[in-house]
Amino acid sequence: MQVEAGVLFVDLDETILDGTVNSLSDEELRNRPLHPATMHLLIRAQMLGMPIIMVTRNDEALYERFFNAFPQMRMLFTEVYGGNFSKSGPIESVLRRYNLEAHQAIFIDDTGTERSDVENNTGVLSIHPRDCHQVSFAPLSKERLVENIRKKTTKTTKIERDAERLANVRYRTESLMHQSL
């Protein structure tokens, strides 16, 4: 499926991680595999400069445990929203902030009710992690993202920080990819 994506939203438990953070000890968590199809899509999105946002029902202590077990994962995410809430709320907020339409976003989650909620309330394409390999996207350029933000706000310093953050994330991802090869 071809998608013009400006932002990628992803769940943590059973989507990035093969398991649930709260059911694993710290050692089990460190040794737990990550979902390869999800990781492949995250890396492709990162290399293309797309913002990647974790939206999880885990509270901060739990997703911080994940980041402590996998410190290299922290730099993949532009933002993290955690807590017991409908995932539609943060997704709608981010879409408005980046001035993106629903068809410019993808949401990955293992839970059917979460995917249905997001699709019904936001219109964002929601897929199961096992279907990540079917996604190909033409991401918005950094310039287009900045222009979308500029249309929404007059805060030049915020726009410049967002552009700089995207450039830094792309650089860090490329460095990480070169180190892993």
C-alpha atoms as a PDB file:
ATOM      1  CA  MET A   1       0.000   0.000   0.000  1.00  0.00           C
ATOM      2  CA  GLN A   2       1.376   3.398  -1.056  1.00  0.00           C
ATOM      3  CA  VAL A   3       0.887   6.202   1.461  1.00  0.00           C
ATOM      4  CA  GLU A   4       1.951   9.842   1.426  1.00  0.00           C
ATOM      5  CA  ALA A   5       3.096   9.986   4.998  1.00  0.00           C
ATOM      6  CA  GLY A   6       4.176  12.997   6.959  1.00  0.00           C
ATOM      7  CA  VAL A   7       4.246  11.336  10.362  1.00  0.00           C
ATOM      8  CA  LEU A   8       4.350   7.799  11.748  1.00  0.00           C
ATOM      9  CA  PHE A   9       2.568   6.881  14.992  1.00  0.00           C
ATOM     10  CA  VAL A  10       3.435   3.612  16.702  1.00  0.00           C
ATOM     11  CA  ASP A  11       2.381   1.673  19.797  1.00  0.00           C
ATOM     12  CA  LEU A  12       4.943   0.012  22.089  1.00  0.00           C
ATOM     13  CA  ASP A  13       3.630  -3.273  23.555  1.00  0.00           C
ATOM     14  CA  GLU A  14       3.340  -6.114  21.024  1.00  0.00           C
ATOM     15  CA  THR A  15       4.042  -3.602  18.232  1.00  0.00           C
ATOM     16  CA  ILE A  16       7.651  -2.488  18.687  1.00  0.00           C
ATOM     17  CA  LEU A  17       8.411  -4.898  21.511  1.00  0.00           C
ATOM     18  CA  ASP A  18       7.548  -8.591  21.209  1.00  0.00           C
ATOM     19  CA  GLY A  19       5.779  -8.619  24.573  1.00  0.00           C
ATOM     20  CA  THR A  20       4.490  -6.172  27.154  1.00  0.00           C
ATOM     21  CA  VAL A  21       6.837  -4.010  29.214  1.00  0.00           C
ATOM     22  CA  ASN A  22       4.913  -4.441  32.477  1.00  0.00           C
ATOM     23  CA  SER A  23       5.033  -8.257  32.314  1.00  0.00           C
ATOM     24  CA  LEU A  24       8.810  -8.513  31.910  1.00  0.00           C
ATOM     25  CA  SER A  25      11.672  -8.166  34.372  1.00  0.00           C
ATOM     26  CA  ASP A  26      14.456  -5.772  33.390  1.00  0.00           C
ATOM     27  CA  GLU A  27      16.648  -8.659  32.233  1.00  0.00           C
ATOM     28  CA  GLU A  28      13.820 -10.269  30.238  1.00  0.00           C
ATOM     29  CA  LEU A  29      13.076  -6.900  28.683  1.00  0.00           C
ATOM     30  CA  ARG A  30      16.700  -6.413  27.575  1.00  0.00           C
ATOM     31  CA  ASN A  31      16.695  -9.877  25.977  1.00  0.00           C
ATOM     32  CA  ARG A  32      13.276  -9.551  24.349  1.00  0.00           C
ATOM     33  CA  PRO A  33      13.251  -9.212  20.554  1.00  0.00           C
ATOM     34  CA  LEU A  34      11.787  -6.245  18.751  1.00  0.00           C
ATOM     35  CA  HIS A  35       9.264  -6.827  15.958  1.00  0.00           C
ATOM     36  CA  PRO A  36      11.371  -6.910  12.769  1.00  0.00           C
ATOM     37  CA  ALA A  37       8.664  -5.635  10.372  1.00  0.00           C
ATOM     38  CA  THR A  38       7.869  -2.685  12.638  1.00  0.00           C
ATOM     39  CA  MET A  39      11.552  -1.910  13.136  1.00  0.00           C
ATOM     40  CA  HIS A  40      12.199  -2.021   9.397  1.00  0.00           C
ATOM     41  CA  LEU A  41       9.411   0.521   8.800  1.00  0.00           C
ATOM     42  CA  LEU A  42      10.628   2.744  11.664  1.00  0.00           C
ATOM     43  CA  ILE A  43      14.148   2.809  10.255  1.00  0.00           C
ATOM     44  CA  ARG A  44      12.901   3.593   6.731  1.00  0.00           C
ATOM     45  CA  ALA A  45      10.751   6.421   8.100  1.00  0.00           C
ATOM     46  CA  GLN A  46      13.641   7.771  10.160  1.00  0.00           C
ATOM     47  CA  MET A  47      16.013   7.707   7.216  1.00  0.00           C
ATOM     48  CA  LEU A  48      13.480   9.713   5.233  1.00  0.00           C
ATOM     49  CA  GLY A  49      13.250  12.319   7.988  1.00  0.00           C
ATOM     50  CA  MET A  50       9.714  11.538   9.099  1.00  0.00           C
ATOM     51  CA  PRO A  51       8.705  12.321  12.673  1.00  0.00           C
ATOM     52  CA  ILE A  52       8.020   9.086  14.567  1.00  0.00           C
ATOM     53  CA  ILE A  53       5.767   9.385  17.569  1.00  0.00           C
ATOM     54  CA  MET A  54       5.169   6.687  20.161  1.00  0.00           C
ATOM     55  CA  VAL A  55       1.591   6.591  21.427  1.00  0.00           C
ATOM     56  CA  THR A  56       1.241   4.042  24.219  1.00  0.00           C
ATOM     57  CA  ARG A  57      -1.081   3.297  27.115  1.00  0.00           C
ATOM     58  CA  ASN A  58       2.015   2.669  29.232  1.00  0.00           C
ATOM     59  CA  ASP A  59       2.789   5.365  31.770  1.00  0.00           C
ATOM     60  CA  GLU A  60       6.125   7.185  31.775  1.00  0.00           C
ATOM     61  CA  ALA A  61       7.794   4.740  34.173  1.00  0.00           C
ATOM     62  CA  LEU A  62       7.049   1.807  31.848  1.00  0.00           C
ATOM     63  CA  TYR A  63       8.114   3.387  28.581  1.00  0.00           C
ATOM     64  CA  GLU A  64      11.243   4.707  30.320  1.00  0.00           C
ATOM     65  CA  ARG A  65      12.005   1.083  31.320  1.00  0.00           C
ATOM     66  CA  PHE A  66      11.813   0.229  27.620  1.00  0.00           C
ATOM     67  CA  PHE A  67      14.195   3.069  26.728  1.00  0.00           C
ATOM     68  CA  ASN A  68      16.578   2.001  29.513  1.00  0.00           C
ATOM     69  CA  ALA A  69      16.625  -1.524  28.078  1.00  0.00           C
ATOM     70  CA  PHE A  70      17.011  -0.248  24.487  1.00  0.00           C
ATOM     71  CA  PRO A  71      18.747   3.150  24.769  1.00  0.00           C
ATOM     72  CA  GLN A  72      19.361   3.369  21.012  1.00  0.00           C
ATOM     73  CA  MET A  73      15.588   3.413  20.469  1.00  0.00           C
ATOM     74  CA  ARG A  74      15.141   6.741  22.263  1.00  0.00           C
ATOM     75  CA  MET A  75      16.585   8.705  19.358  1.00  0.00           C
ATOM     76  CA  LEU A  76      14.122   7.227  16.864  1.00  0.00           C
ATOM     77  CA  PHE A  77      11.189   9.009  18.475  1.00  0.00           C
ATOM     78  CA  THR A  78      10.396  12.665  18.008  1.00  0.00           C
ATOM     79  CA  GLU A  79       7.816  12.533  20.813  1.00  0.00           C
ATOM     80  CA  VAL A  80       6.263  10.029  23.214  1.00  0.00           C
ATOM     81  CA  TYR A  81       2.701  10.134  24.515  1.00  0.00           C
ATOM     82  CA  GLY A  82       2.024   7.714  27.348  1.00  0.00           C
ATOM     83  CA  GLY A  83      -0.925   7.164  29.646  1.00  0.00           C
ATOM     84  CA  ASN A  84      -4.347   5.615  29.874  1.00  0.00           C
ATOM     85  CA  PHE A  85      -6.166   7.609  27.181  1.00  0.00           C
ATOM     86  CA  SER A  86      -7.641   7.212  23.740  1.00  0.00           C
ATOM     87  CA  LYS A  87      -4.786   7.314  21.257  1.00  0.00           C
ATOM     88  CA  SER A  88      -6.935   9.420  18.931  1.00  0.00           C
ATOM     89  CA  GLY A  89      -6.418  12.528  21.080  1.00  0.00           C
ATOM     90  CA  PRO A  90      -2.624  12.821  20.787  1.00  0.00           C
ATOM     91  CA  ILE A  91      -2.776  11.821  17.128  1.00  0.00           C
ATOM     92  CA  GLU A  92      -5.288  14.577  16.315  1.00  0.00           C
ATOM     93  CA  SER A  93      -3.178  17.064  18.274  1.00  0.00           C
ATOM     94  CA  VAL A  94       0.011  16.184  16.366  1.00  0.00           C
ATOM     95  CA  LEU A  95      -1.774  16.326  13.003  1.00  0.00           C
ATOM     96  CA  ARG A  96      -3.036  19.837  13.818  1.00  0.00           C
ATOM     97  CA  ARG A  97       0.379  20.966  15.050  1.00  0.00           C
ATOM     98  CA  TYR A  98       2.134  19.741  11.893  1.00  0.00           C
ATOM     99  CA  ASN A  99      -0.779  20.900   9.710  1.00  0.00           C
ATOM    100  CA  LEU A 100      -1.144  17.413   8.227  1.00  0.00           C
ATOM    101  CA  GLU A 101      -4.172  15.587   6.886  1.00  0.00           C
ATOM    102  CA  ALA A 102      -5.168  12.096   8.014  1.00  0.00           C
ATOM    103  CA  HIS A 103      -3.935  10.552   4.744  1.00  0.00           C
ATOM    104  CA  GLN A 104      -0.426  11.833   5.568  1.00  0.00           C
ATOM    105  CA  ALA A 105      -0.101   9.660   8.675  1.00  0.00           C
ATOM    106  CA  ILE A 106       0.168   5.988   9.556  1.00  0.00           C
ATOM    107  CA  PHE A 107      -0.670   4.385  12.921  1.00  0.00           C
ATOM    108  CA  ILE A 108       0.764   0.958  13.833  1.00  0.00           C
ATOM    109  CA  ASP A 109      -0.823  -1.017  16.669  1.00  0.00           C
ATOM    110  CA  ASP A 110      -1.395  -4.692  17.406  1.00  0.00           C
ATOM    111  CA  THR A 111      -4.836  -4.141  18.973  1.00  0.00           C
ATOM    112  CA  GLY A 112      -7.831  -4.084  16.646  1.00  0.00           C
ATOM    113  CA  THR A 113      -9.928  -1.866  18.913  1.00  0.00           C
ATOM    114  CA  GLU A 114      -7.113   0.723  19.071  1.00  0.00           C
ATOM    115  CA  ARG A 115      -6.745   0.710  15.279  1.00  0.00           C
ATOM    116  CA  SER A 116     -10.521   1.035  14.821  1.00  0.00           C
ATOM    117  CA  ASP A 117     -10.723   3.890  17.318  1.00  0.00           C
ATOM    118  CA  VAL A 118      -7.951   5.822  15.582  1.00  0.00           C
ATOM    119  CA  GLU A 119      -9.346   5.201  12.086  1.00  0.00           C
ATOM    120  CA  ASN A 120     -12.904   6.119  13.102  1.00  0.00           C
ATOM    121  CA  ASN A 121     -11.945   9.245  15.060  1.00  0.00           C
ATOM    122  CA  THR A 122      -9.052  10.605  12.996  1.00  0.00           C
ATOM    123  CA  GLY A 123      -9.222   8.945   9.570  1.00  0.00           C
ATOM    124  CA  VAL A 124      -5.547   7.921   9.897  1.00  0.00           C
ATOM    125  CA  LEU A 125      -4.588   4.665   8.190  1.00  0.00           C
ATOM    126  CA  SER A 126      -4.113   2.093  10.960  1.00  0.00           C
ATOM    127  CA  ILE A 127      -2.221  -1.126  10.349  1.00  0.00           C
ATOM    128  CA  HIS A 128      -1.173  -4.212  12.286  1.00  0.00           C
ATOM    129  CA  PRO A 129       2.594  -4.677  12.820  1.00  0.00           C
ATOM    130  CA  ARG A 130       2.568  -7.805  10.657  1.00  0.00           C
ATOM    131  CA  ASP A 131       1.480  -5.610   7.709  1.00  0.00           C
ATOM    132  CA  CYS A 132       4.343  -3.111   8.020  1.00  0.00           C
ATOM    133  CA  HIS A 133       6.254  -4.770   5.186  1.00  0.00           C
ATOM    134  CA  GLN A 134       3.385  -3.858   2.807  1.00  0.00           C
ATOM    135  CA  VAL A 135       3.767  -0.119   3.415  1.00  0.00           C
ATOM    136  CA  SER A 136       5.668   2.061   1.017  1.00  0.00           C
ATOM    137  CA  PHE A 137       5.441   5.771   1.428  1.00  0.00           C
ATOM    138  CA  ALA A 138       6.440   9.011  -0.146  1.00  0.00           C
ATOM    139  CA  PRO A 139       7.208  11.077   2.940  1.00  0.00           C
ATOM    140  CA  LEU A 140       6.773  14.805   3.042  1.00  0.00           C
ATOM    141  CA  SER A 141      10.039  16.633   2.661  1.00  0.00           C
ATOM    142  CA  LYS A 142      11.465  18.463   5.641  1.00  0.00           C
ATOM    143  CA  GLU A 143      10.772  21.693   3.765  1.00  0.00           C
ATOM    144  CA  ARG A 144       7.113  20.763   3.309  1.00  0.00           C
ATOM    145  CA  LEU A 145       6.769  19.881   6.985  1.00  0.00           C
ATOM    146  CA  VAL A 146       8.301  23.211   7.959  1.00  0.00           C
ATOM    147  CA  GLU A 147       6.016  25.020   5.521  1.00  0.00           C
ATOM    148  CA  ASN A 148       2.989  23.218   6.993  1.00  0.00           C
ATOM    149  CA  ILE A 149       4.042  24.353  10.451  1.00  0.00           C
ATOM    150  CA  ARG A 150       4.711  27.895   9.204  1.00  0.00           C
ATOM    151  CA  LYS A 151       1.158  28.084   7.822  1.00  0.00           C
ATOM    152  CA  LYS A 152      -0.198  27.194  11.261  1.00  0.00           C
ATOM    153  CA  THR A 153       1.907  29.494  13.415  1.00  0.00           C
ATOM    154  CA  THR A 154       3.895  32.674  13.369  1.00  0.00           C
ATOM    155  CA  LYS A 155       6.403  31.438  15.928  1.00  0.00           C
ATOM    156  CA  THR A 156       9.517  31.430  13.769  1.00  0.00           C
ATOM    157  CA  THR A 157      11.735  30.112  16.551  1.00  0.00           C
ATOM    158  CA  LYS A 158       9.488  27.041  16.981  1.00  0.00           C
ATOM    159  CA  ILE A 159       9.636  26.361  13.226  1.00  0.00           C
ATOM    160  CA  GLU A 160      13.417  26.670  13.212  1.00  0.00           C
ATOM    161  CA  ARG A 161      13.712  24.310  16.194  1.00  0.00           C
ATOM    162  CA  ASP A 162      11.454  21.748  14.482  1.00  0.00           C
ATOM    163  CA  ALA A 163      13.482  21.942  11.264  1.00  0.00           C
ATOM    164  CA  GLU A 164      16.745  21.615  13.168  1.00  0.00           C
ATOM    165  CA  ARG A 165      15.363  18.669  15.158  1.00  0.00           C
ATOM    166  CA  LEU A 166      14.349  16.854  11.956  1.00  0.00           C
ATOM    167  CA  ALA A 167      17.810  17.434  10.462  1.00  0.00           C
ATOM    168  CA  ASN A 168      19.508  16.171  13.653  1.00  0.00           C
ATOM    169  CA  VAL A 169      17.305  13.085  13.812  1.00  0.00           C
ATOM    170  CA  ARG A 170      18.097  12.249  10.188  1.00  0.00           C
ATOM    171  CA  TYR A 171      21.839  12.651  10.868  1.00  0.00           C
ATOM    172  CA  ARG A 172      21.703  10.490  14.022  1.00  0.00           C
ATOM    173  CA  THR A 173      19.757   7.788  12.187  1.00  0.00           C
ATOM    174  CA  GLU A 174      22.226   7.724   9.317  1.00  0.00           C
ATOM    175  CA  SER A 175      25.083   7.510  11.840  1.00  0.00           C
ATOM    176  CA  LEU A 176      23.335   4.659  13.651  1.00  0.00           C
ATOM    177  CA  MET A 177      22.763   2.808  10.380  1.00  0.00           C
ATOM    178  CA  HIS A 178      26.443   3.167   9.421  1.00  0.00           C
ATOM    179  CA  GLN A 179      27.544   1.954  12.864  1.00  0.00           C
ATOM    180  CA  SER A 180      25.298  -1.100  12.674  1.00  0.00           C
ATOM    181  CA  LEU A 181      26.682  -2.118   9.278  1.00  0.00           C
END
